[in-house]
């Protein structure tokens, strides 16, 4: 059971750090002040989830930290954004890219919730909050389409 709890925490943290990485990349590409401000707010939501994961993680494993995205994934995210925005870096296109990544996070989060019914309550709560936060992010980003 403890291993399953750690695996779920690792997956949540990977999703949160990937979200922060993508927002950093998109923030650098946009000149739109409203989108930049929205991205700051969204970044902080991901950061709070990651902080919650780190707090919980220490109860299960004291000499290890939760998994994050690796350098290769960061590079691939950066490259993907660059390639998809060569001809179009409008707020609409940038929010579309973030929404696509966020939808993948929602799918993975729902899958984790559905397949890990026996995880500890505090982990289930942070996982559920993460999914709901991402669903809210989709709604927030829609106004930029």
Protein backbone atom coordinates (compact mmCIF):
# COMPACT_ATOMS: atom_id res chain seq x y z
CA UNK A 1 0.00 0.00 0.00
CA UNK A 2 2.76 2.47 0.91
CA UNK A 3 4.43 1.92 -2.47
CA UNK A 4 1.15 2.66 -4.26
CA UNK A 5 0.77 5.86 -2.24
CA UNK A 6 4.28 6.94 -3.26
CA UNK A 7 3.62 6.10 -6.91
CA UNK A 8 0.50 8.25 -6.95
CA UNK A 9 2.32 11.11 -5.23
CA UNK A 10 5.13 10.82 -7.80
CA UNK A 11 2.64 10.99 -10.67
CA UNK A 12 0.87 14.02 -9.20
CA UNK A 13 4.17 15.81 -8.74
CA UNK A 14 5.34 14.97 -12.25
CA UNK A 15 2.09 16.41 -13.60
CA UNK A 16 2.41 19.54 -11.48
CA UNK A 17 6.03 20.17 -12.44
CA UNK A 18 5.22 19.55 -16.09
CA UNK A 19 2.43 22.10 -15.83
CA UNK A 20 4.81 24.64 -14.29
CA UNK A 21 7.41 23.96 -17.00
CA UNK A 22 4.85 24.45 -19.77
CA UNK A 23 3.56 27.66 -18.21
CA UNK A 24 7.12 29.02 -17.96
CA UNK A 25 7.68 28.31 -21.65
CA UNK A 26 4.34 29.79 -22.73
CA UNK A 27 4.82 32.86 -20.50
CA UNK A 28 8.08 33.62 -22.27
CA UNK A 29 6.33 33.49 -25.65
CA UNK A 30 3.34 35.71 -24.94
CA UNK A 31 3.17 39.49 -24.99
CA UNK A 32 -0.48 39.54 -23.92
CA UNK A 33 -0.70 41.05 -20.41
CA UNK A 34 -3.97 39.30 -19.52
CA UNK A 35 -2.63 35.89 -20.53
CA UNK A 36 0.63 36.54 -18.66
CA UNK A 37 -1.30 37.40 -15.49
CA UNK A 38 -3.54 34.34 -15.86
CA UNK A 39 -0.48 32.15 -16.31
CA UNK A 40 1.05 33.49 -13.08
CA UNK A 41 -2.09 32.51 -11.19
CA UNK A 42 -2.18 29.07 -12.83
CA UNK A 43 1.53 28.52 -12.13
CA UNK A 44 0.97 29.21 -8.44
CA UNK A 45 -1.86 26.66 -8.35
CA UNK A 46 0.46 23.98 -9.71
CA UNK A 47 3.16 25.06 -7.27
CA UNK A 48 0.77 24.70 -4.31
CA UNK A 49 -0.14 21.18 -5.43
CA UNK A 50 3.54 20.30 -5.67
CA UNK A 51 4.16 21.73 -2.18
CA UNK A 52 1.29 19.64 -0.80
CA UNK A 53 2.76 16.54 -2.42
CA UNK A 54 6.16 17.28 -0.89
CA UNK A 55 4.60 17.72 2.55
CA UNK A 56 2.74 14.41 2.33
CA UNK A 57 5.67 12.59 0.72
CA UNK A 58 7.89 13.16 3.73
CA UNK A 59 5.47 11.07 5.84
CA UNK A 60 6.13 8.07 3.62
CA UNK A 61 9.73 8.46 2.55
CA UNK A 62 12.25 10.61 4.38
CA UNK A 63 15.35 10.26 2.20
CA UNK A 64 13.73 10.66 -1.20
CA UNK A 65 11.86 13.44 -2.97
CA UNK A 66 8.88 13.10 -5.31
CA UNK A 67 9.63 12.62 -8.98
CA UNK A 68 9.67 15.67 -11.21
CA UNK A 69 9.95 16.08 -14.94
CA UNK A 70 13.41 15.28 -16.21
CA UNK A 71 15.60 17.45 -18.46
CA UNK A 72 14.61 15.48 -21.57
CA UNK A 73 10.89 16.04 -20.95
CA UNK A 74 11.51 19.74 -20.35
CA UNK A 75 13.45 19.97 -23.58
CA UNK A 76 10.75 18.11 -25.50
CA UNK A 77 8.08 20.42 -24.08
CA UNK A 78 10.11 23.48 -25.03
CA UNK A 79 10.78 22.14 -28.52
CA UNK A 80 7.13 21.20 -29.04
CA UNK A 81 5.96 24.68 -28.10
CA UNK A 82 8.56 26.28 -30.36
CA UNK A 83 7.57 24.13 -33.34
CA UNK A 84 3.82 24.62 -32.84
CA UNK A 85 4.12 28.39 -32.53
CA UNK A 86 6.51 29.23 -35.38
CA UNK A 87 3.70 30.76 -37.45
CA UNK A 88 1.19 31.46 -34.71
CA UNK A 89 2.05 32.64 -31.22
CA UNK A 90 -1.24 34.37 -30.51
CA UNK A 91 -2.89 34.05 -27.10
CA UNK A 92 -5.41 31.74 -28.76
CA UNK A 93 -2.72 29.33 -29.97
CA UNK A 94 -0.77 29.46 -26.70
CA UNK A 95 -3.86 28.79 -24.59
CA UNK A 96 -4.81 25.94 -26.96
CA UNK A 97 -1.42 24.29 -26.37
CA UNK A 98 -1.78 24.62 -22.60
CA UNK A 99 -5.30 23.23 -22.76
CA UNK A 100 -4.10 20.19 -24.70
CA UNK A 101 -1.46 19.44 -22.07
CA UNK A 102 -3.90 20.10 -19.25
CA UNK A 103 -6.41 17.70 -20.79
CA UNK A 104 -3.76 14.99 -20.76
CA UNK A 105 -3.19 15.75 -17.08
CA UNK A 106 -6.91 15.49 -16.37
CA UNK A 107 -7.13 12.13 -18.12
CA UNK A 108 -4.14 10.78 -16.19
CA UNK A 109 -5.49 12.16 -12.91
CA UNK A 110 -8.92 10.60 -13.44
CA UNK A 111 -7.24 7.32 -14.34
CA UNK A 112 -5.21 7.45 -11.11
CA UNK A 113 -8.37 8.15 -9.10
CA UNK A 114 -10.27 5.29 -10.75
CA UNK A 115 -7.47 2.71 -10.47
CA UNK A 116 -6.20 3.57 -6.98
CA UNK A 117 -9.24 3.41 -4.76
CA UNK A 118 -7.22 2.20 -1.76
CA UNK A 119 -4.76 5.06 -1.49
CA UNK A 120 -4.64 7.06 1.74
CA UNK A 121 -7.28 9.74 2.15
CA UNK A 122 -4.84 12.67 2.18
CA UNK A 123 -3.32 11.49 -1.10
CA UNK A 124 -6.73 10.96 -2.64
CA UNK A 125 -7.67 14.51 -1.58
CA UNK A 126 -4.61 16.11 -3.19
CA UNK A 127 -5.12 14.03 -6.33
CA UNK A 128 -8.76 15.05 -6.57
CA UNK A 129 -7.85 18.70 -5.92
CA UNK A 130 -5.22 18.47 -8.67
CA UNK A 131 -7.73 17.15 -11.19
CA UNK A 132 -10.37 19.74 -10.25
CA UNK A 133 -7.74 22.49 -10.43
CA UNK A 134 -6.81 21.39 -13.95
CA UNK A 135 -10.48 21.27 -14.98
CA UNK A 136 -10.86 24.83 -13.68
CA UNK A 137 -7.73 25.84 -15.60
CA UNK A 138 -9.33 24.65 -18.83
CA UNK A 139 -12.31 26.91 -18.15
CA UNK A 140 -10.00 29.84 -17.40
CA UNK A 141 -7.96 29.33 -20.58
CA UNK A 142 -11.04 29.08 -22.82
CA UNK A 143 -11.47 32.85 -22.76
CA UNK A 144 -8.21 33.21 -24.70
CA UNK A 145 -9.26 30.96 -27.60
